[in-house]
Amino acid sequence: MPEDVKDIDLLIVEDDDDFRSTVVRRFRRRGFRVEEASSGEEALELLQRRQFDVAVLDVMMPGMSGLELIGQFKPGQAECETIMLTGQGTVESAVEAMKLGAFDYVQKPFPLAELEVIIEKAYAHHKLQKENRQLKAVLERSRPQIEMVGESQAMNEICRLIERSGPTDKAILIQGESGTGKELVARALHRASDRCNKPMVVINCAALPETLLESELFGHEKGAFTGAISAKQGLFELADGGTLMIDEIGEMPGSVQAKLLRVLEDGSMRRVGSLKERRVDVRLLAATNRDMEADVKAGRFREDLYYRINVMSLHLPPLRKRREDIPLLVERFVGPEWTIQPDAMEVLKRYDWPGNIRQLMNAIDRAKILADDHTIHRYDLPVEVEKGITSDGRTTASADDALATIERAHIIEVLHREQGNKSRAARALGVNRRSLYRLIEKFGISDSDLATN
C-alpha cells in the first residue's frame, strides 16, 4: 500500500449498517481517516462541514439516492473524488453518476481489497488534479525571479541563516525596510525546503482591503458576498503542501489575524460563507517593514499570532549598510551588453538609497532608457541620485560639486564658441546631440547663460 494512503480523508455512505460498519473498521485499521453516513441527507451535512478526498456512495438508498447526492454536492466540491457502489439492477444509474463527475463504480458483491485499490486510484487522481490546479494558479501569479546578490558580511550571514532554516517547517518572520528584498529571501527559503517542488504563493496585505484580503487567503463560496458569482479557492488551498508568503503582515486587520492564527495552530480553515472545515498543510513565511514588537505592545497586532509567526527572524540590512554589494547589484541589473562609466558607479556607491534595492533597480532601468550606445554615464542617472540627495532631503557636499561647476562652465563655453549650434557643440564635447540636451537640462543652462558668457 502506498505510504501516503494514511493521509486520505474518506467518507463511506451506505444504508446497510452491518456492511457499512465492516467497511469503516477495515479502512480505519488500514490508516484511513474515515467518516460514515447512513443516508444521503446525513452525508450531505458532513460534506457541507468537512472536505473529503474520496467519498464512497451507495447508489440505492432510502430517501436521497446516491445519484441525487452526487448531483447536489459534486458541483461545489469537484476536488472530492466519488466511487459508486451498485447492485445488478443499478449499473445504469452508476454510469449516469459518472457523467455527473463520479470517478468509478464497484458492483456488489465485491472484495474489500478491490474497493481499496479503486480508492487509491481515485486519491492519486485527486492529488494530480489538485497539483494541476495549484500549478496553474501559481503560474498566473508568479513573477520573474531574481537571485540574491551580495558578498558583504551582512549578506553572507543572511545566506547562512537561509541555509540553516530553509529545510525546517517553522514559520519565519522576515524583517527589513521596503525594497530590501524580503520576497527574494522568502523564495530562497522555499527553494531550500523540502517543499521546493510544491507551490509558493505570495500575497501583500497592504494592497488589499479587509474583505478582499480574507477572501484571497481563505477563499469563498458562491454568493458569500456581492460579486461572488462562483466558489473560489483561497491561497491557503493553492499553497497546500507548499509555502505561503504573507508580505506586510503588520497591515493585516484584527479579524483576519484571528482566522490566520487558527489555521496556523491546527491547519483548519473555512472559506468565506462556508461552514465546512478544510485542512491544509502550509508553511508560513511572513514579512514586514514595521516594528512588530511595538505594534504588539500598542495592541495593533495579536501577541499570540506574533509569537506563532516569529519562531525565527531574519533581519535584512538596508542597502546603505552594505554598500560593497552595490557594484554587484548594478552589474546584475545593467546586463552583459551594457557598460557603466566609473563616475556613474561612484555616484551609485555613495548614494543613500532610501528605497533600497528596488530604488536602485528603477534607477538603472531609467538610465538604460536615456543612455546612448549601451553606456551609462553619470548624467543618465536620476537627478536625486546624481546630485546625492539623501533620504532626509539634504544634498551631500563633496569635491564633485566643484567638478560639476567646472563642467557646466565648459559646456557653456563650447556652446558660446559654436554660436549655440547644438550639433557642432556636441561633437566638440565628444557626446551626441541627445546627451548634450540632457546635460543642458541637468545643469540648468539657459539662453541667458549663453548670452552673457
Protein backbone atom coordinates (compact mmCIF):
# COMPACT_ATOMS: atom_id res chain seq x y z
CA MET A 1 0.00 0.00 0.00
CA PRO A 2 1.38 3.48 -0.83
CA GLU A 3 2.97 5.23 2.12
CA ASP A 4 0.67 8.25 1.93
CA VAL A 5 -2.61 6.32 1.94
CA LYS A 6 -2.99 7.18 5.64
CA ASP A 7 -3.47 10.81 4.57
CA ILE A 8 -6.74 10.01 2.81
CA ASP A 9 -9.92 11.58 4.24
CA LEU A 10 -12.58 9.02 3.31
CA LEU A 11 -16.40 9.16 3.54
CA ILE A 12 -18.48 5.96 3.44
CA VAL A 13 -22.19 6.42 2.65
CA GLU A 14 -24.18 3.16 2.95
CA ASP A 15 -27.64 2.44 4.41
CA ASP A 16 -26.77 -1.17 5.33
CA ASP A 17 -25.49 -0.76 8.90
CA ASP A 18 -23.62 -4.08 9.12
CA PHE A 19 -21.90 -3.71 5.75
CA ARG A 20 -21.02 -0.04 6.45
CA SER A 21 -19.51 -0.93 9.84
CA THR A 22 -17.39 -3.66 8.25
CA VAL A 23 -16.07 -1.28 5.59
CA VAL A 24 -15.37 1.50 8.11
CA ARG A 25 -13.49 -0.81 10.51
CA ARG A 26 -11.29 -2.19 7.71
CA PHE A 27 -10.24 1.18 6.37
CA ARG A 28 -9.61 2.67 9.79
CA ARG A 29 -7.33 -0.27 10.55
CA ARG A 30 -5.55 0.47 7.28
CA GLY A 31 -4.80 4.03 8.42
CA PHE A 32 -7.52 6.00 6.58
CA ARG A 33 -9.33 8.89 8.28
CA VAL A 34 -12.90 7.65 7.88
CA GLU A 35 -16.32 9.25 8.47
CA GLU A 36 -19.59 7.40 7.85
CA ALA A 37 -23.18 8.26 6.98
CA SER A 38 -26.26 6.03 6.75
CA SER A 39 -28.18 8.24 4.33
CA GLY A 40 -27.73 10.80 1.62
CA GLU A 41 -29.12 13.55 3.86
CA GLU A 42 -26.63 12.73 6.63
CA ALA A 43 -23.79 12.59 4.10
CA LEU A 44 -24.73 15.98 2.67
CA GLU A 45 -24.45 17.54 6.13
CA LEU A 46 -20.98 16.02 6.56
CA LEU A 47 -19.91 17.17 3.10
CA GLN A 48 -21.02 20.72 3.91
CA ARG A 49 -18.93 20.78 7.10
CA ARG A 50 -15.78 18.99 6.02
CA GLN A 51 -13.60 18.41 2.97
CA PHE A 52 -13.05 14.79 1.90
CA ASP A 53 -10.54 13.38 -0.57
CA VAL A 54 -12.68 10.39 -1.59
CA ALA A 55 -16.34 9.54 -0.96
CA VAL A 56 -17.82 6.04 -1.46
CA LEU A 57 -21.59 6.28 -2.11
CA ASP A 58 -24.25 3.58 -2.40
CA VAL A 59 -26.42 4.26 -5.43
CA MET A 60 -29.65 2.86 -3.95
CA MET A 61 -30.60 4.30 -0.55
CA PRO A 62 -33.94 5.24 1.02
CA GLY A 63 -34.71 8.93 0.71
CA MET A 64 -31.92 10.70 -1.16
CA SER A 65 -30.22 8.29 -3.57
CA GLY A 66 -26.51 8.27 -4.31
CA LEU A 67 -27.29 9.76 -7.72
CA GLU A 68 -29.18 12.68 -6.14
CA LEU A 69 -26.42 13.13 -3.57
CA ILE A 70 -23.63 13.42 -6.11
CA GLY A 71 -25.74 15.81 -8.16
CA GLN A 72 -26.07 18.09 -5.13
CA PHE A 73 -22.54 18.17 -3.73
CA LYS A 74 -20.23 17.49 -6.69
CA PRO A 75 -20.57 20.89 -8.47
CA GLY A 76 -19.30 22.72 -5.36
CA GLN A 77 -16.75 20.10 -4.31
CA ALA A 78 -15.06 19.00 -7.50
CA GLU A 79 -11.87 18.08 -5.61
CA CYS A 80 -13.62 15.18 -3.82
CA GLU A 81 -13.46 12.00 -5.93
CA THR A 82 -16.51 9.74 -5.67
CA ILE A 83 -16.90 5.99 -6.10
CA MET A 84 -20.36 4.47 -6.54
CA LEU A 85 -21.49 1.14 -5.02
CA THR A 86 -24.06 -0.51 -7.25
CA GLY A 87 -26.13 -3.71 -7.47
CA GLN A 88 -27.01 -5.67 -10.59
CA GLY A 89 -30.00 -3.54 -11.44
CA THR A 90 -28.42 -0.15 -10.90
CA VAL A 91 -25.40 -0.20 -13.20
CA GLU A 92 -27.06 2.33 -15.49
CA SER A 93 -27.51 4.67 -12.51
CA ALA A 94 -23.82 4.30 -11.64
CA VAL A 95 -22.85 5.16 -15.21
CA GLU A 96 -25.14 8.19 -15.01
CA ALA A 97 -23.36 9.20 -11.80
CA MET A 98 -20.02 9.04 -13.61
CA LYS A 99 -21.37 11.51 -16.12
CA LEU A 100 -22.03 13.81 -13.16
CA GLY A 101 -18.39 13.51 -12.10
CA ALA A 102 -18.00 10.19 -10.25
CA PHE A 103 -14.56 8.59 -10.60
CA ASP A 104 -15.62 4.92 -10.85
CA TYR A 105 -18.14 2.35 -9.62
CA VAL A 106 -17.97 -1.08 -7.97
CA GLN A 107 -20.63 -3.71 -8.49
CA LYS A 108 -21.87 -5.62 -5.42
CA PRO A 109 -20.80 -8.05 -4.10
CA PHE A 110 -17.09 -7.23 -4.21
CA PRO A 111 -13.90 -7.92 -2.21
CA LEU A 112 -12.92 -5.00 0.02
CA ALA A 113 -9.37 -5.27 -1.37
CA GLU A 114 -10.81 -4.35 -4.80
CA LEU A 115 -12.53 -1.30 -3.31
CA GLU A 116 -9.27 -0.27 -1.66
CA VAL A 117 -7.41 -0.37 -4.97
CA ILE A 118 -10.03 1.86 -6.59
CA ILE A 119 -9.93 4.29 -3.63
CA GLU A 120 -6.15 4.54 -4.00
CA LYS A 121 -6.52 5.25 -7.73
CA ALA A 122 -9.19 7.88 -7.01
CA TYR A 123 -6.91 9.53 -4.43
CA ALA A 124 -3.99 9.57 -6.88
CA HIS A 125 -6.27 11.26 -9.42
CA HIS A 126 -7.42 13.69 -6.73
CA LYS A 127 -3.81 14.67 -5.94
CA LEU A 128 -2.92 15.07 -9.62
CA GLN A 129 -5.92 17.31 -10.28
CA LYS A 130 -5.13 19.36 -7.19
CA GLU A 131 -1.49 19.82 -8.21
CA ASN A 132 -2.57 20.86 -11.70
CA ARG A 133 -4.92 23.48 -10.24
CA GLN A 134 -2.18 24.71 -7.93
CA LEU A 135 0.37 24.91 -10.72
CA LYS A 136 -1.99 26.83 -12.98
CA ALA A 137 -2.82 29.30 -10.22
CA VAL A 138 0.82 29.74 -9.22
CA LEU A 139 1.93 30.31 -12.83
CA GLU A 140 -0.70 33.01 -13.17
CA ARG A 141 0.61 34.72 -10.04
CA SER A 142 4.31 34.08 -10.49
CA ARG A 143 6.84 36.84 -11.06
CA PRO A 144 10.25 36.68 -12.66
CA GLN A 145 12.74 35.52 -10.06
CA ILE A 146 15.90 37.48 -9.31
CA GLU A 147 18.58 35.60 -7.42
CA MET A 148 20.03 37.11 -4.29
CA VAL A 149 23.23 39.05 -4.94
CA GLY A 150 25.84 40.15 -2.44
CA GLU A 151 29.19 39.28 -0.86
CA SER A 152 29.06 41.59 2.16
CA GLN A 153 29.29 40.20 5.66
CA ALA A 154 25.62 41.04 6.23
CA MET A 155 24.50 39.11 3.14
CA ASN A 156 26.77 36.17 3.93
CA GLU A 157 25.04 35.93 7.32
CA ILE A 158 21.59 36.05 5.68
CA CYS A 159 22.59 33.25 3.30
CA ARG A 160 23.87 31.19 6.22
CA LEU A 161 20.58 31.59 8.07
CA ILE A 162 18.62 30.65 4.94
CA GLU A 163 20.72 27.51 4.55
CA ARG A 164 20.09 26.53 8.17
CA SER A 165 16.41 27.45 8.47
CA GLY A 166 15.20 26.71 4.95
CA PRO A 167 14.80 22.92 5.41
CA THR A 168 12.64 23.33 8.54
CA ASP A 169 8.87 23.72 8.50
CA LYS A 170 8.90 26.54 11.05
CA ALA A 171 7.29 29.91 10.42
CA ILE A 172 9.83 32.68 9.79
CA LEU A 173 9.41 36.43 10.09
CA ILE A 174 11.46 38.39 7.54
CA GLN A 175 12.04 41.99 8.65
CA GLY A 176 13.57 44.90 6.81
CA GLU A 177 12.92 48.24 5.15
CA SER A 178 10.86 48.42 1.97
CA GLY A 179 12.82 47.33 -1.08
CA THR A 180 15.45 45.26 0.76
CA GLY A 181 14.45 42.01 -0.98
CA LYS A 182 12.20 40.28 1.56
CA GLU A 183 10.34 38.33 -1.14
CA LEU A 184 13.64 37.13 -2.62
CA VAL A 185 14.64 35.79 0.80
CA ALA A 186 11.28 34.04 1.10
CA ARG A 187 11.75 32.38 -2.29
CA ALA A 188 15.26 31.30 -1.28
CA LEU A 189 13.83 29.77 1.91
CA HIS A 190 11.22 27.92 -0.14
CA ARG A 191 13.84 26.60 -2.59
CA ALA A 192 15.93 25.36 0.37
CA SER A 193 12.99 23.48 1.90
CA ASP A 194 11.54 20.01 1.35
CA ARG A 195 8.54 21.80 -0.15
CA CYS A 196 10.52 23.19 -3.08
CA ASN A 197 8.58 21.08 -5.60
CA LYS A 198 5.26 22.36 -4.25
CA PRO A 199 3.70 25.77 -4.84
CA MET A 200 4.84 29.01 -3.28
CA VAL A 201 2.31 31.83 -3.40
CA VAL A 202 2.64 35.44 -2.24
CA ILE A 203 0.12 37.99 -1.00
CA ASN A 204 0.60 41.58 0.13
CA CYS A 205 -1.70 42.64 2.99
CA ALA A 206 -1.17 46.34 2.33
CA ALA A 207 -2.51 46.05 -1.22
CA LEU A 208 -5.97 44.68 -0.34
CA PRO A 209 -8.97 45.86 1.71
CA GLU A 210 -10.05 43.66 4.64
CA THR A 211 -12.91 41.80 2.91
CA LEU A 212 -10.90 41.05 -0.20
CA LEU A 213 -7.84 40.00 1.85
CA GLU A 214 -9.89 37.43 3.76
CA SER A 215 -11.33 36.05 0.53
CA GLU A 216 -7.88 35.88 -1.11
CA LEU A 217 -6.39 33.99 1.83
CA PHE A 218 -9.21 31.61 2.66
CA GLY A 219 -11.36 31.54 -0.48
CA HIS A 220 -15.12 32.00 -0.65
CA GLU A 221 -18.30 30.20 -1.61
CA LYS A 222 -20.70 31.27 -4.31
CA GLY A 223 -22.98 34.03 -3.02
CA ALA A 224 -20.82 34.69 0.08
CA PHE A 225 -20.85 38.41 -0.76
CA THR A 226 -21.86 40.74 -3.56
CA GLY A 227 -19.86 39.80 -6.64
CA ALA A 228 -19.09 36.23 -5.51
CA ILE A 229 -20.62 34.66 -8.62
CA SER A 230 -18.76 31.36 -8.14
CA ALA A 231 -16.79 29.49 -5.49
CA LYS A 232 -13.07 30.29 -5.32
CA GLN A 233 -10.10 28.60 -3.69
CA GLY A 234 -8.05 30.75 -1.34
CA LEU A 235 -4.28 30.99 -1.28
CA PHE A 236 -4.02 28.58 1.65
CA GLU A 237 -5.64 25.91 -0.51
CA LEU A 238 -3.50 26.79 -3.51
CA ALA A 239 -0.36 26.58 -1.37
CA ASP A 240 -1.37 23.30 0.31
CA GLY A 241 1.79 21.21 0.71
CA GLY A 242 3.94 24.24 -0.13
CA THR A 243 4.70 27.73 1.16
CA LEU A 244 2.62 30.87 1.64
CA MET A 245 4.38 34.23 2.00
CA ILE A 246 2.31 37.00 3.59
CA ASP A 247 4.01 40.32 2.86
CA GLU A 248 3.37 43.40 5.02
CA ILE A 249 1.70 41.19 7.66
CA GLY A 250 1.75 44.12 10.08
CA GLU A 251 -1.04 45.67 7.97
CA MET A 252 -3.36 42.67 8.50
CA PRO A 253 -6.72 43.60 10.14
CA GLY A 254 -7.55 42.05 13.51
CA SER A 255 -10.43 39.89 12.23
CA VAL A 256 -8.18 38.27 9.66
CA GLN A 257 -5.43 37.82 12.26
CA ALA A 258 -7.81 35.61 14.28
CA LYS A 259 -8.51 33.34 11.30
CA LEU A 260 -4.82 33.17 10.43
CA LEU A 261 -3.95 32.11 13.99
CA ARG A 262 -6.41 29.24 13.81
CA VAL A 263 -5.08 27.82 10.55
CA LEU A 264 -1.53 28.07 11.89
CA GLU A 265 -2.50 26.23 15.08
CA ASP A 266 -4.20 23.16 13.62
CA GLY A 267 -4.32 23.57 9.82
CA SER A 268 -8.11 24.03 9.74
CA MET A 269 -9.87 26.83 7.89
CA ARG A 270 -13.16 27.79 6.33
CA ARG A 271 -13.90 29.66 3.15
CA VAL A 272 -15.84 32.90 3.49
CA GLY A 273 -19.54 31.99 3.57
CA SER A 274 -18.92 28.32 4.35
CA LEU A 275 -19.37 26.17 7.47
CA LYS A 276 -17.22 23.40 6.05
CA GLU A 277 -13.88 22.70 7.71
CA ARG A 278 -10.95 22.26 5.36
CA ARG A 279 -7.46 21.16 6.33
CA VAL A 280 -4.27 22.48 4.77
CA ASP A 281 -0.57 21.86 5.30
CA VAL A 282 1.22 25.14 4.59
CA ARG A 283 4.49 26.65 5.76
CA LEU A 284 4.11 30.33 6.52
CA LEU A 285 6.72 32.98 5.76
CA ALA A 286 5.76 36.48 6.90
CA ALA A 287 7.42 39.78 6.03
CA THR A 288 7.14 43.31 7.40
CA ASN A 289 8.88 46.68 7.47
CA ARG A 290 7.15 47.62 10.73
CA ASP A 291 8.32 47.37 14.33
CA MET A 292 6.19 44.36 15.24
CA GLU A 293 7.07 44.39 18.93
CA ALA A 294 5.86 47.98 19.16
CA ASP A 295 2.65 47.05 17.31
CA VAL A 296 2.06 44.19 19.77
CA LYS A 297 2.57 46.48 22.77
CA ALA A 298 0.21 49.04 21.22
CA GLY A 299 -2.46 46.37 20.67
CA ARG A 300 -2.36 46.68 16.88
CA PHE A 301 -1.18 43.10 16.39
CA ARG A 302 -2.14 39.97 18.32
CA GLU A 303 0.60 38.84 20.69
CA ASP A 304 -0.24 35.11 20.27
CA LEU A 305 -0.09 35.43 16.48
CA TYR A 306 3.20 37.35 16.68
CA TYR A 307 4.88 34.53 18.59
CA ARG A 308 3.37 31.99 16.18
CA ILE A 309 4.85 33.67 13.08
CA ASN A 310 8.11 34.67 14.79
CA VAL A 311 9.60 31.27 15.57
CA MET A 312 12.69 32.70 13.89
CA SER A 313 13.50 36.16 12.49
CA LEU A 314 15.67 37.26 9.58
CA HIS A 315 16.63 40.96 9.56
CA LEU A 316 17.62 42.28 6.13
CA PRO A 317 20.08 45.19 6.21
CA PRO A 318 19.31 48.34 4.16
CA LEU A 319 21.44 48.88 1.07
CA ARG A 320 23.28 51.85 2.65
CA LYS A 321 24.71 49.42 5.22
CA ARG A 322 26.12 47.04 2.62
CA ARG A 323 27.47 49.44 0.01
CA GLU A 324 30.13 46.92 -1.06
CA ASP A 325 27.30 44.93 -2.71
CA ILE A 326 26.18 47.84 -4.90
CA PRO A 327 28.61 47.15 -7.81
CA LEU A 328 27.48 43.51 -7.94
CA LEU A 329 23.83 44.55 -7.96
CA VAL A 330 24.46 47.18 -10.62
CA GLU A 331 26.21 44.65 -12.86
CA ARG A 332 23.25 42.30 -12.48
CA PHE A 333 20.69 44.99 -13.30
CA VAL A 334 22.68 46.53 -16.17
CA GLY A 335 23.26 43.23 -18.00
CA PRO A 336 26.19 41.88 -20.01
CA GLU A 337 25.72 44.06 -23.08
CA TRP A 338 25.98 47.33 -21.15
CA THR A 339 28.83 49.41 -19.78
CA ILE A 340 28.65 51.72 -16.80
CA GLN A 341 31.18 54.51 -16.56
CA PRO A 342 33.32 54.78 -13.38
CA ASP A 343 31.90 58.19 -12.45
CA ALA A 344 28.35 56.78 -12.59
CA MET A 345 29.37 53.81 -10.44
CA GLU A 346 30.92 56.12 -7.84
CA VAL A 347 27.70 58.11 -7.64
CA LEU A 348 25.68 54.91 -7.17
CA LYS A 349 28.01 53.66 -4.43
CA ARG A 350 27.79 56.93 -2.46
CA TYR A 351 24.03 57.42 -2.66
CA ASP A 352 21.94 56.74 0.47
CA TRP A 353 19.25 54.60 -1.31
CA PRO A 354 16.20 55.20 0.92
CA GLY A 355 14.24 52.88 -1.38
CA ASN A 356 16.97 50.22 -1.19
CA ILE A 357 17.37 47.59 -3.94
CA ARG A 358 14.05 48.40 -5.58
CA GLN A 359 15.08 52.04 -5.99
CA LEU A 360 18.48 51.00 -7.37
CA MET A 361 16.82 48.74 -9.92
CA ASN A 362 14.47 51.53 -11.02
CA ALA A 363 17.38 53.98 -11.30
CA ILE A 364 19.27 51.58 -13.58
CA ASP A 365 16.17 50.93 -15.69
CA ARG A 366 15.70 54.69 -16.16
CA ALA A 367 19.36 55.19 -17.03
CA LYS A 368 19.21 52.44 -19.68
CA ILE A 369 16.29 54.24 -21.33
CA LEU A 370 18.22 57.52 -21.51
CA ALA A 371 21.70 56.18 -22.26
CA ASP A 372 23.29 56.06 -25.69
CA ASP A 373 25.39 53.26 -27.16
CA HIS A 374 24.67 50.90 -24.25
CA THR A 375 26.82 53.05 -21.96
CA ILE A 376 25.53 54.60 -18.74
CA HIS A 377 27.04 57.93 -17.72
CA ARG A 378 26.56 59.86 -14.54
CA TYR A 379 24.18 62.29 -16.22
CA ASP A 380 21.90 59.37 -17.25
CA LEU A 381 21.05 58.71 -13.59
CA PRO A 382 18.06 60.26 -11.79
CA VAL A 383 18.72 63.79 -10.54
CA GLU A 384 18.36 62.90 -6.85
CA VAL A 385 20.93 60.11 -7.27
CA GLU A 386 23.34 62.11 -9.41
CA LYS A 387 23.24 65.09 -7.03
CA GLY A 388 23.48 62.88 -3.95
CA ILE A 389 20.22 63.94 -2.27
CA THR A 390 19.96 61.96 0.96
CA SER A 391 16.85 60.37 2.46
CA ASP A 392 16.16 63.48 4.59
CA GLY A 393 16.31 65.77 1.56
CA ARG A 394 19.82 67.17 2.15
CA THR A 395 22.47 67.20 -0.56
CA THR A 396 25.88 65.74 0.16
CA ALA A 397 28.62 68.33 -0.40
CA SER A 398 31.76 66.93 -1.97
CA ALA A 399 34.54 67.68 -4.44
CA ASP A 400 32.06 66.61 -7.12
CA ASP A 401 30.17 69.86 -6.60
CA ALA A 402 33.21 71.85 -7.68
CA LEU A 403 33.74 69.48 -10.59
CA ALA A 404 30.13 69.96 -11.68
CA THR A 405 30.63 73.74 -11.65
CA ILE A 406 33.69 73.40 -13.90
CA GLU A 407 31.81 71.00 -16.22
CA ARG A 408 28.89 73.44 -16.52
CA ALA A 409 31.20 76.32 -17.34
CA HIS A 410 32.98 74.23 -20.01
CA ILE A 411 29.69 73.33 -21.74
CA ILE A 412 28.63 76.99 -21.75
CA GLU A 413 32.00 77.98 -23.22
CA VAL A 414 31.75 75.41 -26.05
CA LEU A 415 28.15 76.40 -26.84
CA HIS A 416 29.16 80.05 -26.95
CA ARG A 417 32.13 79.26 -29.22
CA GLU A 418 29.87 77.29 -31.59
CA GLN A 419 27.35 80.16 -31.53
CA GLY A 420 24.66 77.94 -29.98
CA ASN A 421 24.85 75.24 -32.66
CA LYS A 422 23.99 72.08 -30.70
CA SER A 423 25.30 69.61 -33.28
CA ARG A 424 28.76 71.23 -33.52
CA ALA A 425 28.92 71.71 -29.74
CA ALA A 426 28.07 68.06 -29.15
CA ARG A 427 30.86 66.93 -31.49
CA ALA A 428 33.31 69.25 -29.74
CA LEU A 429 32.31 67.83 -26.36
CA GLY A 430 32.54 64.23 -27.60
CA VAL A 431 28.87 63.39 -26.96
CA ASN A 432 25.85 63.00 -29.20
CA ARG A 433 23.16 65.67 -29.60
CA ARG A 434 20.66 63.93 -27.27
CA SER A 435 23.25 63.67 -24.49
CA LEU A 436 24.05 67.36 -24.88
CA TYR A 437 20.40 68.30 -24.40
CA ARG A 438 20.34 66.22 -21.20
CA LEU A 439 23.49 67.99 -19.96
CA ILE A 440 21.94 71.38 -20.69
CA GLU A 441 18.83 70.36 -18.75
CA LYS A 442 20.87 68.83 -15.92
CA PHE A 443 22.99 71.97 -15.37
CA GLY A 444 20.11 74.37 -15.92
CA ILE A 445 21.87 76.16 -18.81
CA SER A 446 19.62 78.84 -20.29
CA ASP A 447 19.84 81.21 -23.22
CA SER A 448 20.80 83.98 -20.79
CA ASP A 449 23.88 81.95 -19.73
CA LEU A 450 24.99 81.75 -23.35
CA ALA A 451 24.30 85.43 -23.99
CA THR A 452 26.35 86.63 -21.01
CA ASN A 453 29.31 84.28 -21.37
